[in-house]
Amino acid sequence: MTTEVGHHHSVSAKDLVSIDAHRADILDRIRPLPPTQLGITEAEGSVLAEDITASRPLPPFDNSAMDGYALIAADTAGAAKDAPVTLRVTGEVAAGDTGAYAVTPGTCLRITTGAKLPGGADAIVPVEETDGGIAQVAIRLAVEPGHAVRYSGGDAREGDVLLARGTRLGPMQIAVLASSGRARAEVFPRPRVAVFSTGDELTEPGQPLAPGKIWDSNSFMLAAAAREAGCLAFRHGPVPDDPREILPAIEHQLLRADLLITSGGVSMGGEHDVVKDTLSRLGTIQFRKVAMQPGMPQGFGTIGEDSTPIFTLPGNPVSAYVSFQIFVLTALGALQGQPDRQLPSVQATVTGPLRSPPGRRSYMRGVLNRADGTVAPLSGQGSHQVATLGRANALIVVPEWAVHMKEGDDVEVLCLP
């Protein structure tokens, strides 16, 4: 069975704007958020606005890589399992011990992982290669100088760049920040995103559904997508198709948002396209037909004294979600100084035939199997079909020039979070 994208609107190619052109126009209007100083905990999910350099070597001192005995490597010459070398144990050094310790020929010190290497010692013998003695120890392994020693500066030297400006602070990067002794860092903060849906037909989930009504899913989906992208997201309940309610709702969100997202009311024509009609009066929002499917009707601009970016996305759930991943994700990256942020892509072999409208880039829901490098198109590609979206882990990209693709063709696949 051939999988087809959505419904084919009869739109002339000359009326369409390319995806790349629309994305470029978005990036041209967005400026990074002002950098701010945040503590380590608050900085998670933010993007560095400065280089983080090592203020001292990492590790800052020579230390033991394992539990064992610190000694002079030459004292272990000839040691073997059936011919151990015996050394006198003169004490113990624990991690965090700041005392002064030293070994001399024929002696050793018990040592724990991370403890400072004693003076005179140049190697560690793991406790597993000994009899574990306390007053004296039988060494069953001959080692070379440096064995099981972590040298000062082995991880990084003083002045080395540990994290570059533009790095997003995830768990591993937070660890590096803390290891460098930094309690705070200058970052582009996590964007605050306000989301709301419009439409007289929308009802809050959990409420009774009257005839002709549907439960609102877009605002929940888009707010979740924004949080997944590392933002602080606020959801506004459904707004009726009434300009007297839409504009105040948008203006209220401006008080706390770095970026706004609406969905619905932006189709190409029709008296009920109230979002388009209301925002067009402000003169800052551009509505256009983008050469993509789903998600052809797109609106973007800025609003308010701070020129806050606003996206007006299509009302169909799949169109709204795809639009978020293709355009809004890039804008969120730009707010944090990462204008090239996009979904990761891979090449895969498609397991079934595809059909797409000419002149438009299609994003088809699919299931990517990384193990065998294949991607299976899902049936039911209509832009209103949410159930299919719930099973997808990837978007199959069908280029503008491709009308048909056959089973076995190589395709670009965007990996969904």
Protein backbone atom coordinates (compact mmCIF):
# COMPACT_ATOMS: atom_id res chain seq x y z
CA MET A 1 0.00 0.00 0.00
CA THR A 2 1.32 3.42 -0.90
CA THR A 3 1.51 5.89 1.97
CA GLU A 4 0.41 9.38 1.08
CA VAL A 5 0.79 12.61 2.99
CA GLY A 6 -2.39 14.36 4.04
CA HIS A 7 -4.77 16.07 1.64
CA HIS A 8 -3.49 17.71 -1.51
CA HIS A 9 -4.44 21.38 -1.53
CA SER A 10 -4.55 22.96 -4.96
CA VAL A 11 -1.92 25.65 -4.40
CA SER A 12 0.27 27.06 -7.13
CA ALA A 13 4.02 26.56 -6.64
CA LYS A 14 4.59 30.28 -7.23
CA ASP A 15 2.48 31.04 -4.15
CA LEU A 16 4.70 28.95 -1.89
CA VAL A 17 7.73 30.04 0.15
CA SER A 18 10.49 27.48 0.67
CA ILE A 19 11.13 26.00 4.10
CA ASP A 20 14.69 27.32 4.08
CA ALA A 21 13.54 30.85 3.19
CA HIS A 22 10.93 30.84 5.95
CA ARG A 23 13.47 29.57 8.48
CA ALA A 24 15.98 32.24 7.38
CA ASP A 25 13.36 34.97 7.85
CA ILE A 26 12.65 33.66 11.35
CA LEU A 27 16.33 33.69 12.31
CA ASP A 28 16.69 37.21 10.92
CA ARG A 29 14.09 38.49 13.40
CA ILE A 30 15.30 36.73 16.56
CA ARG A 31 18.01 37.99 18.91
CA PRO A 32 19.56 35.93 21.71
CA LEU A 33 18.21 36.50 25.19
CA PRO A 34 20.39 38.73 27.40
CA PRO A 35 22.99 36.58 29.20
CA THR A 36 22.64 36.27 32.95
CA GLN A 37 24.58 34.76 35.85
CA LEU A 38 22.98 31.60 37.24
CA GLY A 39 24.00 29.11 39.90
CA ILE A 40 24.82 25.52 38.90
CA THR A 41 21.38 24.14 39.73
CA GLU A 42 19.47 26.93 37.99
CA ALA A 43 21.78 26.80 34.95
CA GLU A 44 20.72 23.30 33.90
CA GLY A 45 19.22 23.43 30.41
CA SER A 46 20.73 26.83 29.69
CA VAL A 47 23.41 27.56 27.10
CA LEU A 48 26.80 28.95 28.07
CA ALA A 49 27.44 32.56 27.11
CA GLU A 50 31.11 32.27 28.13
CA ASP A 51 33.97 29.78 27.93
CA ILE A 52 34.57 27.80 31.11
CA THR A 53 38.30 27.37 31.68
CA ALA A 54 40.20 25.36 34.27
CA SER A 55 41.35 27.64 37.09
CA ARG A 56 43.77 24.92 38.20
CA PRO A 57 44.88 21.54 36.88
CA LEU A 58 42.37 18.68 36.89
CA PRO A 59 42.93 16.66 38.93
CA PRO A 60 44.70 19.24 41.11
CA PHE A 61 47.17 16.71 42.59
CA ASP A 62 48.61 13.27 41.80
CA ASN A 63 46.27 10.66 43.27
CA SER A 64 45.47 6.98 43.36
CA ALA A 65 43.19 5.46 40.72
CA MET A 66 42.21 2.54 42.99
CA ASP A 67 42.40 1.06 46.44
CA GLY A 68 45.77 -0.53 47.09
CA TYR A 69 49.30 0.27 48.20
CA ALA A 70 51.41 3.32 47.28
CA LEU A 71 55.05 2.36 46.79
CA ILE A 72 58.21 2.70 44.76
CA ALA A 73 57.76 0.69 41.54
CA ALA A 74 61.35 -0.59 41.66
CA ASP A 75 60.51 -2.40 44.94
CA THR A 76 58.12 -4.69 43.06
CA ALA A 77 60.73 -5.98 40.61
CA GLY A 78 60.34 -9.74 40.15
CA ALA A 79 57.08 -9.97 42.05
CA ALA A 80 54.74 -12.72 40.83
CA LYS A 81 51.79 -14.74 42.07
CA ASP A 82 54.04 -17.62 43.16
CA ALA A 83 56.90 -15.36 44.23
CA PRO A 84 55.57 -12.31 46.08
CA VAL A 85 57.66 -9.40 47.31
CA THR A 86 57.07 -8.40 50.95
CA LEU A 87 57.07 -4.73 51.99
CA ARG A 88 56.56 -3.04 55.35
CA VAL A 89 53.31 -1.05 55.64
CA THR A 90 53.90 2.22 57.51
CA GLY A 91 50.39 3.69 57.50
CA GLU A 92 47.31 4.54 55.49
CA VAL A 93 46.27 7.50 53.31
CA ALA A 94 42.53 8.05 52.78
CA ALA A 95 40.82 10.25 50.20
CA GLY A 96 40.56 13.76 51.55
CA ASP A 97 43.45 13.30 54.03
CA THR A 98 45.56 16.47 53.92
CA GLY A 99 48.48 15.13 56.01
CA ALA A 100 52.03 14.80 54.72
CA TYR A 101 53.00 11.21 53.92
CA ALA A 102 56.02 9.62 52.28
CA VAL A 103 57.40 6.21 51.43
CA THR A 104 61.00 5.05 51.47
CA PRO A 105 62.60 2.03 49.77
CA GLY A 106 61.19 -1.20 51.18
CA THR A 107 58.07 0.46 52.60
CA CYS A 108 54.58 1.29 51.36
CA LEU A 109 51.37 2.93 52.46
CA ARG A 110 47.80 1.61 52.20
CA ILE A 111 45.83 4.05 50.02
CA THR A 112 42.22 4.54 48.93
CA THR A 113 40.94 5.67 45.55
CA GLY A 114 41.33 9.43 45.10
CA ALA A 115 43.83 9.85 47.94
CA LYS A 116 46.86 12.07 47.35
CA LEU A 117 49.96 10.17 46.19
CA PRO A 118 52.51 10.15 49.07
CA GLY A 119 55.93 11.70 48.61
CA GLY A 120 58.47 9.28 47.16
CA ALA A 121 55.78 6.93 45.75
CA ASP A 122 55.54 6.53 41.98
CA ALA A 123 53.03 3.66 41.59
CA ILE A 124 49.99 1.96 43.08
CA VAL A 125 49.53 -1.80 43.36
CA PRO A 126 45.82 -2.73 43.50
CA VAL A 127 44.76 -4.48 46.69
CA GLU A 128 43.58 -7.42 44.55
CA GLU A 129 47.23 -8.11 43.65
CA THR A 130 48.23 -8.45 47.32
CA ASP A 131 47.33 -10.40 50.44
CA GLY A 132 45.78 -7.25 51.94
CA GLY A 133 48.28 -7.10 54.78
CA ILE A 134 48.22 -4.32 57.37
CA ALA A 135 51.65 -4.42 59.07
CA GLN A 136 53.33 -5.94 56.05
CA VAL A 137 52.02 -6.91 52.64
CA ALA A 138 52.85 -9.54 50.05
CA ILE A 139 52.94 -7.94 46.58
CA ARG A 140 52.15 -10.37 43.73
CA LEU A 141 52.49 -7.98 40.76
CA ALA A 142 55.50 -6.15 39.34
CA VAL A 143 54.51 -2.64 38.21
CA GLU A 144 56.09 0.23 36.29
CA PRO A 145 56.24 3.86 37.52
CA GLY A 146 52.86 5.53 37.02
CA HIS A 147 50.80 2.37 37.41
CA ALA A 148 47.28 3.27 38.68
CA VAL A 149 48.33 6.90 39.27
CA ARG A 150 46.19 9.83 38.14
CA TYR A 151 48.61 12.65 37.50
CA SER A 152 47.84 16.30 38.17
CA GLY A 153 46.65 17.92 34.95
CA GLY A 154 46.00 14.56 33.32
CA ASP A 155 42.39 15.55 32.70
CA ALA A 156 42.96 19.24 31.97
CA ARG A 157 45.71 21.79 32.44
CA GLU A 158 45.24 25.17 34.03
CA GLY A 159 43.73 27.52 31.45
CA ASP A 160 42.30 24.77 29.24
CA VAL A 161 38.78 25.41 27.89
CA LEU A 162 36.57 22.84 29.59
CA LEU A 163 33.25 23.98 28.10
CA ALA A 164 32.95 26.35 25.14
CA ARG A 165 30.48 29.17 24.78
CA GLY A 166 27.35 27.81 23.09
CA THR A 167 27.39 24.51 25.01
CA ARG A 168 24.04 23.41 26.39
CA LEU A 169 24.34 22.46 30.06
CA GLY A 170 23.10 18.92 30.54
CA PRO A 171 24.05 16.56 33.40
CA MET A 172 27.58 15.87 32.14
CA GLN A 173 28.30 19.53 31.49
CA ILE A 174 26.99 20.46 34.94
CA ALA A 175 29.49 17.95 36.37
CA VAL A 176 32.34 19.63 34.48
CA LEU A 177 31.20 23.04 35.72
CA ALA A 178 31.17 21.84 39.33
CA SER A 179 34.49 20.00 38.95
CA SER A 180 36.11 23.22 37.79
CA GLY A 181 35.05 24.89 41.04
CA ARG A 182 32.53 27.21 39.41
CA ALA A 183 29.40 27.86 41.46
CA ARG A 184 27.91 30.18 38.82
CA ALA A 185 28.18 30.73 35.09
CA GLU A 186 27.04 33.29 32.53
CA VAL A 187 24.38 31.69 30.37
CA PHE A 188 21.61 32.35 27.90
CA PRO A 189 18.65 31.39 30.12
CA ARG A 190 16.01 28.83 29.26
CA PRO A 191 13.37 30.59 27.13
CA ARG A 192 9.94 31.16 28.67
CA VAL A 193 7.35 29.95 26.17
CA ALA A 194 3.62 30.72 26.37
CA VAL A 195 1.28 28.42 24.45
CA PHE A 196 -2.43 28.59 23.75
CA SER A 197 -4.94 27.18 21.30
CA THR A 198 -7.79 29.06 19.67
CA GLY A 199 -11.15 27.80 18.53
CA ASP A 200 -14.81 27.77 19.56
CA GLU A 201 -14.74 24.00 19.13
CA LEU A 202 -12.16 23.38 21.89
CA THR A 203 -12.98 21.88 25.28
CA GLU A 204 -10.63 21.23 28.19
CA PRO A 205 -9.80 17.51 28.64
CA GLY A 206 -11.79 16.07 31.52
CA GLN A 207 -14.84 18.19 30.70
CA PRO A 208 -17.99 16.78 29.06
CA LEU A 209 -17.87 16.94 25.27
CA ALA A 210 -20.85 18.64 23.63
CA PRO A 211 -21.84 17.82 20.03
CA GLY A 212 -19.48 19.50 17.56
CA LYS A 213 -16.75 20.01 20.16
CA ILE A 214 -13.31 18.39 20.52
CA TRP A 215 -10.88 18.21 23.42
CA ASP A 216 -7.93 20.55 23.16
CA SER A 217 -4.68 18.64 22.60
CA ASN A 218 -2.49 21.17 20.78
CA SER A 219 -1.71 23.43 23.72
CA PHE A 220 -0.71 20.46 25.89
CA MET A 221 1.39 19.00 23.07
CA LEU A 222 3.18 22.23 22.21
CA ALA A 223 3.86 23.10 25.84
CA ALA A 224 5.30 19.61 26.35
CA ALA A 225 7.42 19.98 23.20
CA ALA A 226 8.75 23.30 24.49
CA ARG A 227 9.65 21.74 27.84
CA GLU A 228 11.28 18.82 26.04
CA ALA A 229 13.36 21.39 24.13
CA GLY A 230 14.62 22.78 27.45
CA CYS A 231 12.22 25.70 27.90
CA LEU A 232 9.97 26.89 30.68
CA ALA A 233 6.51 26.49 29.17
CA PHE A 234 3.19 28.00 30.27
CA ARG A 235 -0.09 26.76 28.84
CA HIS A 236 -3.13 29.00 28.44
CA GLY A 237 -6.57 27.40 28.17
CA PRO A 238 -8.48 27.47 24.88
CA VAL A 239 -9.38 30.95 23.58
CA PRO A 240 -12.64 31.40 21.63
CA ASP A 241 -12.65 32.64 18.03
CA ASP A 242 -13.26 36.19 19.11
CA PRO A 243 -10.79 39.03 18.44
CA ARG A 244 -11.93 40.72 21.67
CA GLU A 245 -10.59 37.73 23.62
CA ILE A 246 -7.61 36.69 21.49
CA LEU A 247 -5.72 39.99 21.57
CA PRO A 248 -5.96 40.48 25.37
CA ALA A 249 -4.88 36.87 25.90
CA ILE A 250 -1.79 37.43 23.76
CA GLU A 251 -0.99 40.73 25.45
CA HIS A 252 -1.27 39.09 28.88
CA GLN A 253 1.21 36.37 27.90
CA LEU A 254 3.71 39.03 26.80
CA LEU A 255 4.28 39.88 30.46
CA ARG A 256 6.09 36.60 31.08
CA ALA A 257 7.07 35.13 27.70
CA ASP A 258 10.20 35.18 25.58
CA LEU A 259 8.30 33.46 22.76
CA LEU A 260 4.60 32.86 22.06
CA ILE A 261 2.94 30.00 20.19
CA THR A 262 -0.66 29.89 19.05
CA SER A 263 -2.32 27.14 17.04
CA GLY A 264 -5.40 27.41 14.91
CA GLY A 265 -7.10 30.22 13.00
CA VAL A 266 -4.38 30.78 10.39
CA SER A 267 -5.69 28.92 7.33
CA MET A 268 -5.43 30.64 3.98
CA GLY A 269 -8.78 32.38 3.86
CA GLY A 270 -12.08 32.14 5.65
CA GLU A 271 -13.98 34.35 8.04
CA HIS A 272 -13.05 32.16 11.02
CA ASP A 273 -9.27 32.71 10.68
CA VAL A 274 -9.46 35.13 13.59
CA VAL A 275 -5.85 34.78 14.78
CA LYS A 276 -4.60 35.77 11.36
CA ASP A 277 -7.13 38.59 11.12
CA THR A 278 -6.41 39.92 14.63
CA LEU A 279 -2.63 39.84 14.42
CA SER A 280 -2.50 41.22 10.88
CA ARG A 281 -3.74 44.52 12.30
CA LEU A 282 -0.53 44.80 14.33
CA GLY A 283 1.54 44.84 11.14
CA THR A 284 4.34 42.67 12.56
CA ILE A 285 3.10 39.18 11.71
CA GLN A 286 3.68 37.68 8.29
CA PHE A 287 1.36 34.90 7.13
CA ARG A 288 2.49 32.75 4.25
CA LYS A 289 2.12 29.43 2.53
CA VAL A 290 5.25 27.33 3.03
CA ALA A 291 6.19 24.54 0.61
CA MET A 292 5.74 21.75 3.14
CA GLN A 293 3.22 19.14 4.14
CA PRO A 294 1.82 19.00 6.70
CA GLY A 295 2.00 22.59 7.96
CA MET A 296 1.59 24.77 4.87
CA PRO A 297 -0.10 27.78 6.56
CA GLN A 298 2.50 29.49 8.75
CA GLY A 299 2.61 32.78 10.59
CA PHE A 300 5.56 34.42 12.29
CA GLY A 301 6.53 37.85 13.53
CA THR A 302 7.18 39.89 16.63
CA ILE A 303 4.79 41.61 19.00
CA GLY A 304 4.92 44.10 21.86
CA GLU A 305 7.51 46.62 23.04
CA ASP A 306 10.18 43.92 23.43
CA SER A 307 9.58 42.51 19.91
CA THR A 308 8.70 39.11 21.36
CA PRO A 309 8.67 36.39 18.67
CA ILE A 310 5.28 34.81 18.01
CA PHE A 311 4.47 31.71 15.97
CA THR A 312 0.94 31.13 14.72
CA LEU A 313 0.85 27.45 13.82
CA PRO A 314 -1.83 25.47 11.99
CA GLY A 315 -4.65 23.96 14.03
CA ASN A 316 -4.33 20.35 12.90
CA PRO A 317 -2.30 18.56 15.60
CA VAL A 318 0.23 16.91 13.31
CA SER A 319 0.73 20.14 11.36
CA ALA A 320 1.32 22.01 14.61
CA TYR A 321 3.79 19.42 15.91
CA VAL A 322 5.79 19.21 12.68
CA SER A 323 5.84 23.02 12.47
CA PHE A 324 7.23 23.15 16.00
CA GLN A 325 10.06 20.76 15.20
CA ILE A 326 10.96 22.40 11.89
CA PHE A 327 10.65 26.10 12.81
CA VAL A 328 10.05 26.76 16.50
CA LEU A 329 12.93 24.51 17.64
CA THR A 330 15.32 26.57 15.50
CA ALA A 331 13.95 29.80 16.99
CA LEU A 332 14.37 28.49 20.53
CA GLY A 333 17.98 27.67 19.69
CA ALA A 334 18.52 31.19 18.36
CA LEU A 335 17.20 32.67 21.62
CA GLN A 336 19.99 30.77 23.36
CA GLY A 337 22.70 31.62 20.85
CA GLN A 338 22.33 28.35 18.88
CA PRO A 339 20.72 29.37 15.55
CA ASP A 340 21.64 26.07 13.88
CA ARG A 341 19.58 23.95 16.29
CA GLN A 342 17.54 21.34 14.42
CA LEU A 343 16.41 17.76 14.88
CA PRO A 344 19.23 15.24 14.34
CA SER A 345 18.98 13.38 11.04
CA VAL A 346 20.14 10.01 9.73
CA GLN A 347 19.90 8.12 6.46
CA ALA A 348 17.70 5.03 6.38
CA THR A 349 16.09 2.64 3.94
CA VAL A 350 12.33 3.05 3.63
CA THR A 351 10.34 -0.17 3.92
CA GLY A 352 7.33 0.90 1.86
CA PRO A 353 6.40 3.18 -1.06
CA LEU A 354 5.63 6.85 -0.48
CA ARG A 355 3.67 9.45 -2.42
CA SER A 356 3.97 13.21 -1.89
CA PRO A 357 2.57 16.35 -3.56
CA PRO A 358 4.94 17.96 -6.09
CA GLY A 359 6.84 21.05 -5.06
CA ARG A 360 6.47 20.49 -1.33
CA ARG A 361 8.77 18.86 1.23
CA SER A 362 6.78 16.26 3.13
CA TYR A 363 7.39 15.06 6.65
CA MET A 364 5.87 11.62 7.08
CA ARG A 365 5.54 9.85 10.38
CA GLY A 366 7.52 6.65 10.65
CA VAL A 367 9.20 4.16 12.95
CA LEU A 368 12.99 4.17 12.68
CA ASN A 369 14.84 0.94 13.43
CA ARG A 370 18.40 2.01 14.16
CA ALA A 371 19.59 -1.59 14.43
CA ASP A 372 18.96 -2.42 10.77
CA GLY A 373 18.89 1.12 9.35
CA THR A 374 15.30 1.00 8.12
CA VAL A 375 12.32 3.28 8.59
CA ALA A 376 8.73 2.10 8.24
CA PRO A 377 6.07 4.63 7.18
CA LEU A 378 2.97 4.56 9.35
CA SER A 379 -0.47 4.33 7.80
CA GLY A 380 -2.80 7.26 8.31
CA GLN A 381 -0.72 10.32 7.44
CA GLY A 382 -3.55 12.87 7.60
CA SER A 383 -2.63 16.03 9.52
CA HIS A 384 -5.54 15.42 11.93
CA GLN A 385 -4.56 11.84 12.79
CA VAL A 386 -3.05 12.09 16.26
CA ALA A 387 -2.96 8.35 16.96
CA THR A 388 -0.34 7.82 14.27
CA LEU A 389 1.76 10.61 15.75
CA GLY A 390 1.81 8.76 19.06
CA ARG A 391 3.47 5.73 17.44
CA ALA A 392 6.12 7.65 15.50
CA ASN A 393 9.72 8.13 16.55
CA ALA A 394 10.84 9.79 13.32
CA LEU A 395 9.81 12.00 10.41
CA ILE A 396 10.61 10.71 6.95
CA VAL A 397 11.65 13.57 4.67
CA VAL A 398 10.34 13.40 1.10
CA PRO A 399 12.09 16.14 -0.95
CA GLU A 400 10.23 18.75 -2.96
CA TRP A 401 11.24 17.13 -6.25
CA ALA A 402 10.08 13.62 -5.27
CA VAL A 403 6.49 12.64 -6.02
CA HIS A 404 7.01 8.91 -5.56
CA MET A 405 9.54 6.93 -3.53
CA LYS A 406 9.67 3.18 -3.65
CA GLU A 407 10.45 0.54 -1.08
CA GLY A 408 14.23 0.24 -0.64
CA ASP A 409 15.01 3.89 -1.43
CA ASP A 410 17.37 5.74 0.88
CA VAL A 411 15.68 8.64 2.68
CA GLU A 412 16.60 11.34 5.18
CA VAL A 413 14.99 10.72 8.56
CA LEU A 414 14.59 13.30 11.32
CA CYS A 415 14.86 11.67 14.75
CA LEU A 416 12.13 12.81 17.13
CA PRO A 417 13.04 13.37 20.79
